[in-house]
């Protein structure tokens, strides 16, 4: 292999390694919800992580998401529209008195993930 070709291959390998190390999972930030987890529009927000979004903005999106949910069916409602520019999805596990949910709100590379508990 010629020196120029070897240099090109090494450059590609280094670029690929750099792109892999800057993956979105590595850039995730965990937000503190210990003091305001009950003020975000549901019974409890128990965990909040973000990628390319500030914690302040994430909390605004979470509150807006819960307003949307409640306006579309009350405490057990679902939000099907964009919230603050983010499209949100969630999965739930429930018992007769409450449900626990995992939600993800995304807008391109900006991602907000949170778990919450809702008493019914």
N, C-alpha and C. Protein backbone atom coordinates (compact mmCIF):
# COMPACT_ATOMS: atom_id res chain seq x y z
N UNK A 1 0.85 -1.17 0.00
CA UNK A 1 0.00 0.00 0.00
C UNK A 1 0.89 1.23 0.00
N UNK A 2 0.58 2.19 -0.87
CA UNK A 2 1.42 3.38 -0.96
C UNK A 2 1.23 4.25 0.28
N UNK A 3 2.19 5.11 0.51
CA UNK A 3 2.14 6.00 1.67
C UNK A 3 0.94 6.92 1.65
N UNK A 4 0.57 7.41 0.47
CA UNK A 4 -0.58 8.32 0.34
C UNK A 4 -1.88 7.58 0.65
N UNK A 5 -1.98 6.35 0.14
CA UNK A 5 -3.19 5.57 0.39
C UNK A 5 -3.30 5.20 1.87
N UNK A 6 -2.20 4.83 2.50
CA UNK A 6 -2.18 4.50 3.92
C UNK A 6 -2.60 5.71 4.74
N UNK A 7 -2.10 6.89 4.38
CA UNK A 7 -2.47 8.11 5.08
C UNK A 7 -3.97 8.39 4.96
N UNK A 8 -4.53 8.16 3.77
CA UNK A 8 -5.97 8.37 3.55
C UNK A 8 -6.79 7.41 4.40
N UNK A 9 -6.38 6.15 4.48
CA UNK A 9 -7.09 5.16 5.28
C UNK A 9 -7.03 5.53 6.77
N UNK A 10 -5.85 5.91 7.23
CA UNK A 10 -5.70 6.31 8.63
C UNK A 10 -6.55 7.54 8.95
N UNK A 11 -6.60 8.49 8.04
CA UNK A 11 -7.41 9.69 8.24
C UNK A 11 -8.88 9.32 8.37
N UNK A 12 -9.38 8.42 7.53
CA UNK A 12 -10.76 7.97 7.60
C UNK A 12 -11.05 7.25 8.91
N UNK A 13 -10.12 6.41 9.35
CA UNK A 13 -10.30 5.70 10.62
C UNK A 13 -10.35 6.66 11.80
N UNK A 14 -9.50 7.66 11.79
CA UNK A 14 -9.49 8.65 12.88
C UNK A 14 -10.79 9.46 12.87
N UNK A 15 -11.26 9.85 11.69
CA UNK A 15 -12.51 10.60 11.58
C UNK A 15 -13.69 9.76 12.07
N UNK A 16 -13.71 8.47 11.73
CA UNK A 16 -14.80 7.59 12.18
C UNK A 16 -14.77 7.43 13.69
N UNK A 17 -13.59 7.29 14.26
CA UNK A 17 -13.48 7.16 15.72
C UNK A 17 -13.93 8.43 16.42
N UNK A 18 -13.59 9.58 15.88
CA UNK A 18 -14.01 10.85 16.48
C UNK A 18 -15.52 11.01 16.40
N UNK A 19 -16.12 10.64 15.29
CA UNK A 19 -17.58 10.73 15.15
C UNK A 19 -18.26 9.78 16.12
N UNK A 20 -17.71 8.60 16.30
CA UNK A 20 -18.30 7.62 17.23
C UNK A 20 -18.20 8.11 18.67
N UNK A 21 -17.11 8.73 19.06
CA UNK A 21 -16.95 9.17 20.44
C UNK A 21 -17.83 10.37 20.76
N UNK A 22 -18.32 11.08 19.75
CA UNK A 22 -19.20 12.23 19.98
C UNK A 22 -20.65 11.84 19.76
N UNK A 23 -21.00 10.60 20.07
CA UNK A 23 -22.36 10.12 19.87
C UNK A 23 -23.33 10.82 20.81
N UNK A 24 -24.62 10.93 20.44
CA UNK A 24 -25.60 11.60 21.29
C UNK A 24 -25.72 10.99 22.68
N UNK A 25 -25.55 9.68 22.80
CA UNK A 25 -25.66 9.04 24.11
C UNK A 25 -24.58 9.57 25.06
N UNK A 26 -23.40 9.83 24.53
CA UNK A 26 -22.32 10.33 25.36
C UNK A 26 -22.58 11.77 25.79
N UNK A 27 -23.39 12.50 25.01
CA UNK A 27 -23.64 13.90 25.30
C UNK A 27 -24.87 14.11 26.19
N UNK A 28 -25.53 13.04 26.62
CA UNK A 28 -26.74 13.18 27.43
C UNK A 28 -26.41 13.80 28.79
N UNK A 29 -27.31 14.69 29.22
CA UNK A 29 -27.17 15.37 30.51
C UNK A 29 -28.35 15.00 31.39
N UNK A 30 -28.08 14.66 32.63
CA UNK A 30 -29.16 14.37 33.56
C UNK A 30 -29.51 15.64 34.32
N UNK A 31 -30.79 15.98 34.33
CA UNK A 31 -31.27 17.19 35.00
C UNK A 31 -31.78 16.84 36.39
N UNK A 32 -31.54 17.73 37.33
CA UNK A 32 -32.00 17.53 38.70
C UNK A 32 -33.48 17.90 38.80
N UNK A 33 -34.31 16.93 39.18
CA UNK A 33 -35.74 17.19 39.38
C UNK A 33 -36.15 16.93 40.82
N UNK A 34 -35.17 16.86 41.71
CA UNK A 34 -35.49 16.54 43.11
C UNK A 34 -36.33 17.62 43.78
N UNK A 35 -36.15 18.89 43.40
CA UNK A 35 -36.90 19.97 44.03
C UNK A 35 -38.16 20.35 43.27
N UNK A 36 -38.19 20.14 41.97
CA UNK A 36 -39.36 20.58 41.20
C UNK A 36 -40.05 19.47 40.44
N UNK A 37 -39.79 18.22 40.77
CA UNK A 37 -40.42 17.08 40.10
C UNK A 37 -41.93 17.05 40.23
N UNK A 38 -42.47 17.67 41.29
CA UNK A 38 -43.92 17.71 41.48
C UNK A 38 -44.53 18.96 40.86
N UNK A 39 -43.73 19.85 40.32
CA UNK A 39 -44.22 21.11 39.76
C UNK A 39 -44.19 21.11 38.23
N UNK A 40 -43.98 19.96 37.63
CA UNK A 40 -43.82 19.89 36.18
C UNK A 40 -45.07 19.38 35.46
N UNK A 41 -46.22 19.42 36.15
CA UNK A 41 -47.47 19.13 35.48
C UNK A 41 -48.03 17.74 35.66
N UNK A 42 -47.39 16.93 36.43
CA UNK A 42 -47.88 15.57 36.70
C UNK A 42 -47.67 15.29 38.19
N UNK A 43 -48.03 14.09 38.64
CA UNK A 43 -47.84 13.79 40.06
C UNK A 43 -46.36 13.87 40.42
N UNK A 44 -45.51 13.15 39.70
CA UNK A 44 -44.06 13.20 39.92
C UNK A 44 -43.33 13.02 38.59
N UNK A 45 -42.36 13.86 38.30
CA UNK A 45 -41.39 13.57 37.25
C UNK A 45 -40.20 12.99 38.01
N UNK A 46 -39.83 11.76 37.68
CA UNK A 46 -38.82 11.07 38.47
C UNK A 46 -37.43 11.09 37.85
N UNK A 47 -37.35 11.31 36.53
CA UNK A 47 -36.04 11.34 35.87
C UNK A 47 -36.17 12.19 34.61
N UNK A 48 -35.13 12.97 34.33
CA UNK A 48 -35.13 13.85 33.16
C UNK A 48 -33.72 13.92 32.60
N UNK A 49 -33.56 13.52 31.34
CA UNK A 49 -32.26 13.61 30.68
C UNK A 49 -32.45 14.32 29.34
N UNK A 50 -31.40 15.01 28.92
CA UNK A 50 -31.48 15.77 27.67
C UNK A 50 -30.24 15.55 26.82
N UNK A 51 -30.41 15.75 25.53
CA UNK A 51 -29.31 15.78 24.59
C UNK A 51 -29.50 17.02 23.73
N UNK A 52 -28.52 17.91 23.77
CA UNK A 52 -28.54 19.16 23.00
C UNK A 52 -29.69 20.08 23.39
N UNK A 53 -30.16 19.98 24.63
CA UNK A 53 -31.21 20.84 25.17
C UNK A 53 -30.84 21.18 26.60
N UNK A 54 -31.03 22.44 27.00
CA UNK A 54 -30.75 22.80 28.38
C UNK A 54 -31.80 22.20 29.31
N UNK A 55 -31.46 22.03 30.56
CA UNK A 55 -32.42 21.51 31.54
C UNK A 55 -33.60 22.46 31.71
N UNK A 56 -33.34 23.76 31.64
CA UNK A 56 -34.42 24.74 31.76
C UNK A 56 -35.42 24.57 30.63
N UNK A 57 -34.95 24.45 29.40
CA UNK A 57 -35.83 24.25 28.25
C UNK A 57 -36.55 22.92 28.36
N UNK A 58 -35.86 21.88 28.81
CA UNK A 58 -36.47 20.57 28.96
C UNK A 58 -37.64 20.62 29.93
N UNK A 59 -37.49 21.33 31.03
CA UNK A 59 -38.58 21.44 32.00
C UNK A 59 -39.77 22.19 31.42
N UNK A 60 -39.51 23.19 30.59
CA UNK A 60 -40.60 23.91 29.91
C UNK A 60 -41.35 22.97 28.98
N UNK A 61 -40.63 22.14 28.25
CA UNK A 61 -41.25 21.19 27.33
C UNK A 61 -42.06 20.16 28.12
N UNK A 62 -41.53 19.65 29.22
CA UNK A 62 -42.24 18.67 30.04
C UNK A 62 -43.55 19.26 30.55
N UNK A 63 -43.52 20.49 31.05
CA UNK A 63 -44.75 21.13 31.54
C UNK A 63 -45.77 21.30 30.41
N UNK A 64 -45.31 21.72 29.26
CA UNK A 64 -46.21 21.90 28.11
C UNK A 64 -46.78 20.56 27.66
N UNK A 65 -45.97 19.52 27.70
CA UNK A 65 -46.44 18.19 27.33
C UNK A 65 -47.58 17.75 28.25
N UNK A 66 -47.42 17.95 29.54
CA UNK A 66 -48.46 17.53 30.48
C UNK A 66 -49.72 18.39 30.35
N UNK A 67 -49.57 19.67 30.02
CA UNK A 67 -50.75 20.50 29.74
C UNK A 67 -51.50 19.94 28.53
N UNK A 68 -50.76 19.56 27.51
CA UNK A 68 -51.35 18.98 26.31
C UNK A 68 -52.07 17.67 26.63
N UNK A 69 -51.44 16.83 27.42
CA UNK A 69 -52.05 15.55 27.83
C UNK A 69 -53.37 15.79 28.54
N UNK A 70 -53.35 16.68 29.53
CA UNK A 70 -54.54 16.94 30.34
C UNK A 70 -55.66 17.56 29.50
N UNK A 71 -55.32 18.38 28.52
CA UNK A 71 -56.35 18.99 27.69
C UNK A 71 -56.92 18.00 26.68
N UNK A 72 -56.32 16.84 26.57
CA UNK A 72 -56.79 15.79 25.67
C UNK A 72 -57.14 14.52 26.43
N UNK A 73 -57.95 14.64 27.47
CA UNK A 73 -58.42 13.45 28.18
C UNK A 73 -58.19 13.45 29.67
N UNK A 74 -57.80 14.56 30.26
CA UNK A 74 -57.60 14.60 31.71
C UNK A 74 -56.32 13.91 32.12
N UNK A 75 -56.29 13.40 33.34
CA UNK A 75 -55.05 12.81 33.85
C UNK A 75 -54.59 11.60 33.05
N UNK A 76 -55.51 10.91 32.39
CA UNK A 76 -55.12 9.75 31.59
C UNK A 76 -55.00 10.09 30.10
N UNK A 77 -55.03 11.37 29.76
CA UNK A 77 -54.99 11.82 28.38
C UNK A 77 -53.65 11.58 27.71
N UNK A 78 -53.68 11.73 26.40
CA UNK A 78 -52.47 11.58 25.57
C UNK A 78 -52.29 12.85 24.75
N UNK A 79 -51.06 13.17 24.45
CA UNK A 79 -50.75 14.35 23.63
C UNK A 79 -50.26 13.87 22.27
N UNK A 80 -51.01 14.24 21.22
CA UNK A 80 -50.65 13.80 19.87
C UNK A 80 -50.07 14.92 19.02
N UNK A 81 -49.99 16.13 19.56
CA UNK A 81 -49.47 17.25 18.77
C UNK A 81 -48.07 17.63 19.22
N UNK A 82 -47.40 18.41 18.41
CA UNK A 82 -46.06 18.89 18.78
C UNK A 82 -46.16 19.81 19.99
N UNK A 83 -45.14 19.77 20.82
CA UNK A 83 -45.08 20.60 22.01
C UNK A 83 -43.77 21.38 21.97
N UNK A 84 -43.86 22.71 21.90
CA UNK A 84 -42.66 23.55 21.84
C UNK A 84 -41.74 23.13 20.69
N UNK A 85 -42.31 22.60 19.62
CA UNK A 85 -41.53 22.15 18.47
C UNK A 85 -41.06 20.70 18.55
N UNK A 86 -41.32 20.02 19.66
CA UNK A 86 -40.89 18.64 19.86
C UNK A 86 -42.06 17.69 19.60
N UNK A 87 -41.77 16.54 19.00
CA UNK A 87 -42.76 15.48 18.84
C UNK A 87 -42.49 14.46 19.95
N UNK A 88 -43.53 14.16 20.72
CA UNK A 88 -43.36 13.29 21.90
C UNK A 88 -44.09 11.97 21.73
N UNK A 89 -43.48 10.92 22.28
CA UNK A 89 -44.10 9.60 22.35
C UNK A 89 -43.92 9.09 23.78
N UNK A 90 -44.78 8.17 24.18
CA UNK A 90 -44.62 7.60 25.52
C UNK A 90 -45.15 6.18 25.57
N UNK A 91 -44.66 5.44 26.56
CA UNK A 91 -45.17 4.11 26.88
C UNK A 91 -45.55 4.13 28.35
N UNK A 92 -46.59 3.34 28.68
CA UNK A 92 -47.10 3.34 30.05
C UNK A 92 -47.24 1.93 30.60
N UNK A 93 -47.08 1.86 31.91
CA UNK A 93 -47.41 0.66 32.68
C UNK A 93 -48.37 1.13 33.75
N UNK A 94 -49.49 0.42 33.93
CA UNK A 94 -50.48 0.95 34.87
C UNK A 94 -51.01 -0.10 35.83
N UNK A 95 -51.52 0.42 36.93
CA UNK A 95 -52.30 -0.31 37.91
C UNK A 95 -53.56 0.54 38.11
N UNK A 96 -54.57 0.07 38.82
CA UNK A 96 -55.81 0.84 38.92
C UNK A 96 -55.67 2.27 39.46
N UNK A 97 -54.70 2.55 40.29
CA UNK A 97 -54.61 3.88 40.91
C UNK A 97 -53.56 4.80 40.32
N UNK A 98 -52.72 4.31 39.43
CA UNK A 98 -51.67 5.15 38.85
C UNK A 98 -51.07 4.50 37.62
N UNK A 99 -50.31 5.28 36.87
CA UNK A 99 -49.49 4.69 35.81
C UNK A 99 -48.12 5.34 35.84
N UNK A 100 -47.14 4.57 35.40
CA UNK A 100 -45.77 5.04 35.25
C UNK A 100 -45.49 5.10 33.76
N UNK A 101 -44.86 6.18 33.32
CA UNK A 101 -44.64 6.36 31.89
C UNK A 101 -43.21 6.78 31.61
N UNK A 102 -42.75 6.41 30.41
CA UNK A 102 -41.48 6.86 29.85
C UNK A 102 -41.82 7.64 28.60
N UNK A 103 -41.36 8.86 28.53
CA UNK A 103 -41.66 9.70 27.37
C UNK A 103 -40.37 10.19 26.73
N UNK A 104 -40.41 10.36 25.43
CA UNK A 104 -39.31 10.91 24.67
C UNK A 104 -39.87 11.99 23.76
N UNK A 105 -39.27 13.16 23.84
CA UNK A 105 -39.64 14.28 22.97
C UNK A 105 -38.42 14.63 22.14
N UNK A 106 -38.58 14.67 20.83
CA UNK A 106 -37.43 14.90 19.94
C UNK A 106 -37.75 15.95 18.89
N UNK A 107 -36.73 16.69 18.55
CA UNK A 107 -36.78 17.67 17.47
C UNK A 107 -35.41 17.61 16.80
N UNK A 108 -35.30 16.78 15.77
CA UNK A 108 -34.00 16.56 15.14
C UNK A 108 -33.06 15.87 16.13
N UNK A 109 -31.89 16.44 16.34
CA UNK A 109 -30.92 15.88 17.28
C UNK A 109 -31.16 16.28 18.72
N UNK A 110 -32.12 17.18 18.95
CA UNK A 110 -32.44 17.59 20.32
C UNK A 110 -33.44 16.59 20.90
N UNK A 111 -33.09 16.00 22.05
CA UNK A 111 -33.91 14.94 22.63
C UNK A 111 -34.08 15.18 24.13
N UNK A 112 -35.32 14.98 24.59
CA UNK A 112 -35.65 15.06 26.02
C UNK A 112 -36.29 13.74 26.39
N UNK A 113 -35.75 13.07 27.39
CA UNK A 113 -36.32 11.81 27.87
C UNK A 113 -36.69 12.00 29.34
N UNK A 114 -37.88 11.54 29.70
CA UNK A 114 -38.28 11.65 31.10
C UNK A 114 -39.22 10.53 31.49
N UNK A 115 -39.20 10.24 32.77
CA UNK A 115 -40.14 9.27 33.33
C UNK A 115 -41.01 10.04 34.32
N UNK A 116 -42.25 9.61 34.40
CA UNK A 116 -43.15 10.25 35.35
C UNK A 116 -44.16 9.27 35.89
N UNK A 117 -44.74 9.65 37.00
CA UNK A 117 -45.74 8.87 37.69
C UNK A 117 -47.00 9.73 37.78
N UNK A 118 -48.13 9.17 37.37
CA UNK A 118 -49.39 9.91 37.41
C UNK A 118 -50.41 9.14 38.24
N UNK A 119 -50.89 9.74 39.32
CA UNK A 119 -51.97 9.13 40.08
C UNK A 119 -53.27 9.35 39.31
N UNK A 120 -54.09 8.32 39.23
CA UNK A 120 -55.35 8.44 38.52
C UNK A 120 -56.44 8.46 39.52
